[in-house]
Protein backbone atom coordinates (compact mmCIF):
# COMPACT_ATOMS: atom_id res chain seq x y z
CA MET A 1 -21.11 -4.12 -15.74
CA ALA A 2 -18.21 -2.43 -14.01
CA ALA A 3 -18.22 -2.38 -10.20
CA LYS A 4 -19.03 1.01 -8.68
CA VAL A 5 -16.28 2.12 -6.30
CA LEU A 6 -16.42 5.15 -4.01
CA ILE A 7 -13.09 6.55 -2.79
CA ASN A 8 -13.63 8.16 0.61
CA GLY A 9 -10.67 10.47 1.16
CA TYR A 10 -8.65 12.04 -1.63
CA GLY A 11 -5.20 12.60 -0.20
CA THR A 12 -1.88 10.80 -0.56
CA ILE A 13 -3.40 7.32 -0.92
CA GLY A 14 -6.92 8.19 -2.04
CA LYS A 15 -5.93 10.07 -5.17
CA ARG A 16 -3.63 7.23 -6.21
CA VAL A 17 -6.27 4.59 -5.54
CA ALA A 18 -8.82 6.60 -7.53
CA ASP A 19 -6.53 6.71 -10.55
CA ALA A 20 -5.74 3.00 -10.17
CA VAL A 21 -9.41 2.02 -9.98
CA ASP A 22 -10.17 4.28 -12.95
CA ALA A 23 -7.59 2.33 -14.99
CA GLN A 24 -9.17 -1.08 -14.35
CA PRO A 25 -11.37 -2.78 -16.96
CA ASP A 26 -13.85 -4.21 -14.45
CA MET A 27 -14.45 -1.29 -12.08
CA GLU A 28 -15.19 2.43 -12.20
CA VAL A 29 -14.83 5.38 -9.87
CA TYR A 30 -18.36 6.28 -8.84
CA GLY A 31 -16.96 9.32 -7.11
CA VAL A 32 -14.51 10.64 -4.54
CA VAL A 33 -15.18 12.16 -1.13
CA LYS A 34 -13.59 15.31 0.24
CA THR A 35 -14.22 17.32 3.38
CA SER A 36 -12.17 20.42 2.49
CA PRO A 37 -12.70 22.62 -0.59
CA ASP A 38 -9.03 22.70 -1.59
CA TYR A 39 -7.08 22.32 -4.83
CA LEU A 40 -7.38 18.52 -4.68
CA ALA A 41 -11.16 18.80 -4.73
CA ARG A 42 -10.97 21.12 -7.73
CA LEU A 43 -8.48 18.83 -9.47
CA ALA A 44 -10.67 15.77 -8.92
CA VAL A 45 -13.62 17.47 -10.61
CA THR A 46 -12.02 19.56 -13.34
CA GLU A 47 -8.95 17.54 -14.32
CA LYS A 48 -9.88 13.96 -13.46
CA GLY A 49 -13.60 14.21 -14.19
CA PHE A 50 -14.60 12.47 -10.95
CA ASP A 51 -17.92 13.20 -9.29
CA LEU A 52 -17.35 14.80 -5.90
CA TYR A 53 -19.31 13.88 -2.77
CA VAL A 54 -19.05 15.68 0.55
CA PRO A 55 -20.55 15.33 4.03
CA GLU A 56 -24.00 16.83 4.20
CA ASP A 57 -22.88 19.57 6.55
CA ARG A 58 -20.07 20.63 4.15
CA VAL A 59 -22.13 21.16 0.99
CA ASP A 60 -22.45 24.92 1.50
CA ALA A 61 -18.68 25.34 2.01
CA PHE A 62 -17.94 23.67 -1.33
CA GLU A 63 -20.64 25.60 -3.16
CA ASP A 64 -19.35 28.86 -1.67
CA ALA A 65 -15.90 27.93 -3.02
CA GLY A 66 -17.34 27.36 -6.48
CA ILE A 67 -16.64 23.61 -6.53
CA GLU A 68 -19.34 21.47 -8.10
CA VAL A 69 -20.73 18.80 -5.79
CA ALA A 70 -22.52 15.71 -7.14
CA GLY A 71 -24.13 14.86 -3.82
CA THR A 72 -23.49 13.87 -0.25
CA VAL A 73 -21.35 11.01 0.98
CA GLU A 74 -24.41 9.72 2.82
CA GLU A 75 -26.16 9.37 -0.56
CA ALA A 76 -23.12 7.92 -2.33
CA VAL A 77 -22.57 4.99 0.03
CA GLU A 78 -26.11 3.84 -0.72
CA ALA A 79 -25.39 3.68 -4.45
CA VAL A 80 -22.04 1.87 -4.71
CA ASP A 81 -20.78 -1.70 -4.52
CA VAL A 82 -17.78 -0.94 -2.30
CA VAL A 83 -16.09 1.98 -0.55
CA VAL A 84 -12.32 2.29 -0.38
CA ASP A 85 -11.75 4.31 2.78
CA CYS A 86 -8.57 6.40 2.48
CA THR A 87 -9.32 8.76 5.34
CA PRO A 88 -6.79 9.62 8.06
CA GLU A 89 -5.98 7.13 10.80
CA GLY A 90 -8.91 6.28 13.05
CA ILE A 91 -11.61 7.86 10.90
CA GLY A 92 -12.21 4.68 8.93
CA ALA A 93 -13.44 2.86 12.04
CA ARG A 94 -15.93 5.66 12.72
CA ASN A 95 -17.05 5.60 9.10
CA LYS A 96 -17.64 1.86 9.38
CA GLU A 97 -19.99 2.34 12.30
CA ASN A 98 -21.73 5.49 11.11
CA LEU A 99 -21.80 5.09 7.32
CA TYR A 100 -20.87 1.73 5.86
CA GLU A 101 -22.63 -0.72 8.14
CA PRO A 102 -25.91 1.24 8.18
CA ALA A 103 -25.79 1.34 4.36
CA GLY A 104 -24.92 -2.36 4.13
CA VAL A 105 -21.97 -1.58 1.84
CA LYS A 106 -18.64 -3.41 1.72
CA ALA A 107 -15.57 -1.39 2.65
CA ILE A 108 -11.79 -1.49 2.38
CA TYR A 109 -9.64 0.30 4.96
CA GLN A 110 -6.00 1.36 5.17
CA GLY A 111 -3.22 0.24 7.49
CA GLY A 112 -3.66 3.15 9.89
CA GLU A 113 -6.78 1.46 11.23
CA GLU A 114 -6.63 -1.23 13.91
CA ALA A 115 -6.79 -4.77 12.58
CA ASP A 116 -10.14 -5.44 14.22
CA VAL A 117 -11.86 -2.94 11.92
CA ALA A 118 -11.92 -5.64 9.25
CA ASP A 119 -12.56 -9.34 8.72
CA VAL A 120 -9.19 -9.75 7.00
CA SER A 121 -5.87 -7.89 6.92
CA PHE A 122 -4.77 -8.16 3.32
CA VAL A 123 -1.76 -8.50 1.03
CA ALA A 124 -2.82 -9.87 -2.33
CA GLN A 125 -0.01 -12.36 -2.95
CA CYS A 126 -0.24 -13.73 0.60
CA ASN A 127 -3.91 -14.19 1.44
CA TYR A 128 -6.16 -13.09 -1.42
CA GLU A 129 -8.47 -16.07 -0.96
CA GLU A 130 -9.24 -15.09 2.65
CA ALA A 131 -10.80 -11.84 1.43
CA LEU A 132 -13.15 -13.38 -1.12
CA GLY A 133 -16.69 -12.17 -0.47
CA VAL A 134 -16.06 -10.67 2.99
CA ASP A 135 -17.57 -7.33 3.95
CA HIS A 136 -14.58 -5.50 5.43
CA VAL A 137 -10.90 -5.75 4.42
CA ARG A 138 -7.91 -3.83 5.75
CA CYS A 139 -5.04 -3.22 3.34
CA VAL A 140 -2.10 -3.18 5.71
CA SER A 141 0.45 -0.36 5.91
CA CYS A 142 3.20 0.32 3.41
CA ASN A 143 5.85 -1.21 5.68
CA THR A 144 3.75 -4.28 6.45
CA THR A 145 2.90 -4.76 2.77
CA ALA A 146 6.58 -4.65 1.84
CA LEU A 147 7.63 -7.12 4.52
CA CYS A 148 4.80 -9.49 3.64
CA ARG A 149 5.82 -9.52 -0.02
CA THR A 150 9.45 -10.44 0.55
CA LEU A 151 9.29 -12.38 3.80
CA GLY A 152 6.17 -14.19 2.62
CA ALA A 153 8.07 -15.38 -0.43
CA VAL A 154 11.07 -16.45 1.67
CA GLU A 155 8.85 -18.30 4.13
CA GLU A 156 6.99 -20.15 1.40
CA GLU A 157 10.15 -21.13 -0.52
CA PHE A 158 12.73 -21.77 2.21
CA GLY A 159 10.99 -21.51 5.58
CA VAL A 160 11.68 -18.87 8.23
CA GLU A 161 12.77 -19.74 11.75
CA GLU A 162 12.85 -16.10 12.84
CA ALA A 163 13.16 -12.66 11.31
CA TYR A 164 14.44 -9.38 12.73
CA VAL A 165 13.86 -6.14 10.86
CA THR A 166 15.09 -2.60 11.50
CA ILE A 167 12.74 -0.15 9.82
CA VAL A 168 14.21 3.23 8.87
CA ARG A 169 11.14 5.37 8.38
CA ARG A 170 10.71 8.55 6.40
CA ALA A 171 9.69 11.39 8.70
CA ALA A 172 6.80 12.59 6.54
CA ASP A 173 5.40 12.44 3.04
CA PRO A 174 6.81 15.09 0.68
CA HIS A 175 3.89 17.51 1.03
CA GLN A 176 3.66 17.36 4.82
CA VAL A 177 5.54 20.55 5.61
CA GLY A 178 4.02 20.75 9.06
CA LYS A 179 6.26 17.90 10.22
CA GLY A 180 9.58 19.49 9.26
CA PRO A 181 12.24 20.55 8.80
CA ILE A 182 13.88 18.32 11.40
CA ASN A 183 17.43 17.46 12.38
CA ALA A 184 17.15 14.27 14.37
CA ILE A 185 16.85 10.49 14.33
CA VAL A 186 13.84 9.54 16.43
CA PRO A 187 12.96 6.09 17.79
CA ASN A 188 9.46 5.61 16.40
CA PRO A 189 8.24 3.96 18.52
CA VAL A 190 10.86 3.92 21.25
CA THR A 191 9.64 0.51 22.41
CA VAL A 192 11.19 -2.68 21.04
CA PRO A 193 9.64 -4.62 19.48
CA SER A 194 7.66 -2.11 17.44
CA HIS A 195 4.08 -2.59 16.27
CA HIS A 196 5.14 -3.52 12.75
CA GLY A 197 5.96 -7.15 13.54
CA PRO A 198 2.54 -7.92 15.04
CA ASP A 199 0.97 -6.19 12.04
CA VAL A 200 2.86 -8.52 9.69
CA LYS A 201 1.46 -11.43 11.71
CA THR A 202 -2.09 -10.30 10.92
CA VAL A 203 -1.31 -11.47 7.38
CA LEU A 204 1.43 -14.07 7.91
CA GLY A 205 0.18 -15.51 11.18
CA ASP A 206 2.92 -18.10 11.72
CA LEU A 207 5.88 -15.83 10.97
CA ASN A 208 8.25 -15.35 13.91
CA ILE A 209 9.19 -11.70 13.41
CA THR A 210 10.50 -8.88 15.60
CA THR A 211 10.82 -5.29 14.41
CA ALA A 212 12.27 -1.99 15.58
CA ALA A 213 11.86 1.39 13.90
CA VAL A 214 13.49 4.80 13.74
CA LYS A 215 12.35 7.94 11.94
CA VAL A 216 14.86 9.95 9.91
CA PRO A 217 14.76 13.35 8.13
CA THR A 218 13.75 12.26 4.64
CA THR A 219 10.43 12.20 2.78
CA LEU A 220 11.04 9.88 -0.15
CA MET A 221 10.98 6.26 1.02
CA HIS A 222 11.36 3.86 3.93
CA MET A 223 14.23 1.37 4.18
CA HIS A 224 14.25 -2.06 5.84
CA VAL A 225 17.33 -3.92 7.04
CA VAL A 226 16.28 -7.57 7.30
CA ARG A 227 17.87 -10.55 9.03
CA VAL A 228 16.26 -13.96 8.57
CA VAL A 229 17.20 -17.29 10.11
CA LEU A 230 16.20 -19.66 7.34
CA GLY A 231 14.49 -22.98 7.80
CA ASP A 232 16.63 -24.51 5.05
CA ASP A 233 20.38 -24.32 5.71
CA GLY A 234 21.22 -25.23 2.11
CA VAL A 235 20.04 -21.92 0.64
CA SER A 236 22.57 -19.72 -1.20
CA SER A 237 22.56 -16.00 -1.89
CA ASP A 238 21.92 -16.76 -5.56
CA ASP A 239 18.85 -18.79 -4.59
CA VAL A 240 17.38 -15.77 -2.82
CA VAL A 241 18.23 -13.42 -5.70
CA GLU A 242 16.42 -15.77 -8.07
CA LEU A 243 13.45 -15.98 -5.71
CA PHE A 244 13.08 -12.22 -5.44
CA GLU A 245 13.51 -11.78 -9.18
CA ASN A 246 10.48 -14.03 -9.60
CA THR A 247 8.38 -12.55 -6.80
CA ARG A 248 5.46 -10.35 -7.76
CA ARG A 249 5.79 -6.64 -7.11
CA VAL A 250 9.42 -6.92 -6.07
CA TRP A 251 12.42 -5.63 -8.02
CA VAL A 252 16.01 -6.68 -7.46
CA VAL A 253 18.02 -3.54 -8.24
CA PRO A 254 21.78 -3.16 -8.67
CA HIS A 255 23.36 -0.70 -6.25
CA GLY A 256 26.29 -0.26 -8.62
CA GLU A 257 24.32 1.23 -11.53
CA GLY A 258 23.51 4.58 -10.02
CA LEU A 259 20.76 3.13 -7.81
CA GLY A 260 22.57 3.35 -4.51
CA SER A 261 20.02 5.39 -2.57
CA THR A 262 16.32 6.03 -2.19
CA ALA A 263 16.74 9.35 -4.01
CA GLU A 264 18.18 7.57 -7.05
CA LEU A 265 15.38 5.01 -7.00
CA ILE A 266 12.85 7.82 -7.10
CA GLU A 267 14.79 9.41 -9.95
CA MET A 268 14.56 6.11 -11.81
CA ALA A 269 10.78 6.18 -11.36
CA ARG A 270 10.74 9.70 -12.79
CA ASP A 271 12.81 8.56 -15.76
CA LEU A 272 10.38 5.69 -16.31
CA GLY A 273 7.56 8.22 -16.53
CA ARG A 274 5.72 6.83 -13.54
CA PRO A 275 2.79 9.03 -12.46
CA ARG A 276 3.81 10.95 -9.31
CA TYR A 277 7.08 8.92 -9.53
CA ASP A 278 5.21 6.02 -7.93
CA LEU A 279 7.02 2.77 -7.26
CA TYR A 280 4.41 0.12 -6.57
CA GLU A 281 7.16 -2.48 -6.34
CA ILE A 282 9.49 -3.14 -3.41
CA MET A 283 13.15 -2.41 -4.25
CA VAL A 284 15.64 -4.99 -2.93
CA TRP A 285 19.31 -4.17 -3.46
CA GLU A 286 20.96 -7.15 -5.11
CA GLU A 287 24.32 -6.57 -3.44
CA SER A 288 22.66 -6.64 -0.01
CA ILE A 289 21.28 -10.15 -0.46
CA ASN A 290 23.64 -12.40 1.44
CA VAL A 291 23.30 -15.82 3.09
CA GLU A 292 25.85 -16.86 5.70
CA ASP A 293 25.51 -20.03 7.81
CA GLY A 294 21.79 -20.28 7.17
CA VAL A 295 21.10 -16.60 7.91
CA LEU A 296 19.79 -14.32 5.16
CA TYR A 297 20.44 -10.57 5.09
CA TYR A 298 18.98 -8.03 2.70
CA MET A 299 17.94 -4.37 2.45
CA GLN A 300 14.85 -3.06 0.72
CA ALA A 301 13.32 0.32 -0.04
CA VAL A 302 9.61 1.06 0.16
CA HIS A 303 7.79 3.90 -1.56
CA GLN A 304 5.29 4.62 1.18
CA GLU A 305 2.96 6.62 -1.07
CA ALA A 306 2.45 3.87 -3.62
CA ASP A 307 3.14 0.25 -2.68
CA VAL A 308 -0.32 -0.32 -1.15
CA VAL A 309 -2.16 0.98 -4.23
CA PRO A 310 -2.24 -2.34 -6.15
CA GLU A 311 -3.40 -4.08 -2.96
CA ASN A 312 -6.44 -1.82 -2.73
CA VAL A 313 -7.42 -2.68 -6.30
CA ASP A 314 -7.04 -6.40 -5.67
CA ALA A 315 -9.04 -6.04 -2.45
CA VAL A 316 -11.93 -4.57 -4.46
CA ARG A 317 -11.90 -7.62 -6.72
CA ALA A 318 -11.74 -9.99 -3.78
CA VAL A 319 -14.59 -8.58 -1.70
CA LEU A 320 -16.84 -8.28 -4.76
CA GLU A 321 -15.67 -11.68 -6.08
CA LEU A 322 -14.96 -10.15 -9.49
CA GLU A 323 -12.04 -12.58 -9.74
CA GLU A 324 -11.54 -15.63 -7.53
CA ASP A 325 -7.97 -16.32 -8.61
CA ALA A 326 -5.31 -14.16 -6.96
CA GLU A 327 -2.85 -14.39 -9.85
CA LYS A 328 -5.47 -13.36 -12.39
CA SER A 329 -6.51 -10.38 -10.28
CA MET A 330 -2.91 -9.25 -9.85
CA ASP A 331 -2.33 -9.72 -13.58
CA LYS A 332 -5.20 -7.33 -14.34
CA THR A 333 -4.10 -4.80 -11.74
CA ASP A 334 -0.46 -4.85 -12.74
CA GLU A 335 -1.16 -4.58 -16.45
CA ALA A 336 -3.40 -1.55 -15.90
CA LEU A 337 -0.84 0.17 -13.66
CA GLY A 338 2.25 -0.72 -15.66
CA VAL A 339 3.70 -2.79 -12.82
CA LEU A 340 6.70 -4.82 -13.99
CA GLU A 341 8.10 -8.03 -12.53
CA ARG A 342 11.61 -6.87 -13.42
CA PRO A 343 12.31 -4.05 -15.88
CA PRO A 344 14.19 -5.25 -18.96
CA PHE A 345 16.80 -2.51 -18.58
CA LEU A 346 17.93 -4.05 -15.29
CA GLY A 347 18.99 -7.19 -17.13
């Protein structure tokens, strides 16, 4: 029998997670939760066919708007195997205390929550086994997920003495008009190191990493400029290219084939027919991968709306112990979502 999954929050991440769960052979969307009777609520019911659950005190507002409600979120959490909480930053922790723990239901949170909301901070290819059977898992942020995928692979294969990363952050997601337009580059945060490095360490505890971040006027993707002092001084640039080409959910892309910017990467996703032009994979520019005197440099692009989506699916499998093997879980997730190790057209 398929696992029953409730998606609490149906915004940028929630709607993508709902579609991803709906595509899996071993789980089903029991329903989605909304607090506002907007077009997304209507779309979830009429176009996606999802049952809609709302807080008890919001039922009348949805009925007045003519949106069919299947029940209350308080009822739904009692009926499901796991909740994937995709609510805005900070609300997940309150939901844990007020909803999930009283109902005795397992829950998965997003990277906007503090690490102590969960038993495990999670990136599937790094620490899947740690999440097996636990009650609360936090899928780390888009930036942390991306750094864990590539730096985790480098650490495992070559060793990392230290890493320094400059994170160039998008200012807002495409629909967030309230945060723009802007004409500035903003330290975000202004303190160095930034919070991203400690967040990476919640997954890769032994990694010596320092990060700094700035926010720029774009909405499409983040970019990371990475410097790594390797533990093995015999590593070549070609060795790292080969490693990344064989790392799950990472693409090595050629700058020189019309893929020289985040805008062109998004256009590639559109041309591939990806839903919402989602890139679940981390894009590493091949020409940026360079090793000099035992120091590795590379640049990668991160689609902040999508890269954590596969992690949420794998987290469902882990907490419910639907699959004990990380590779097998990722195989199922990636096949259902059309995730590719390396697209054939890239050679």
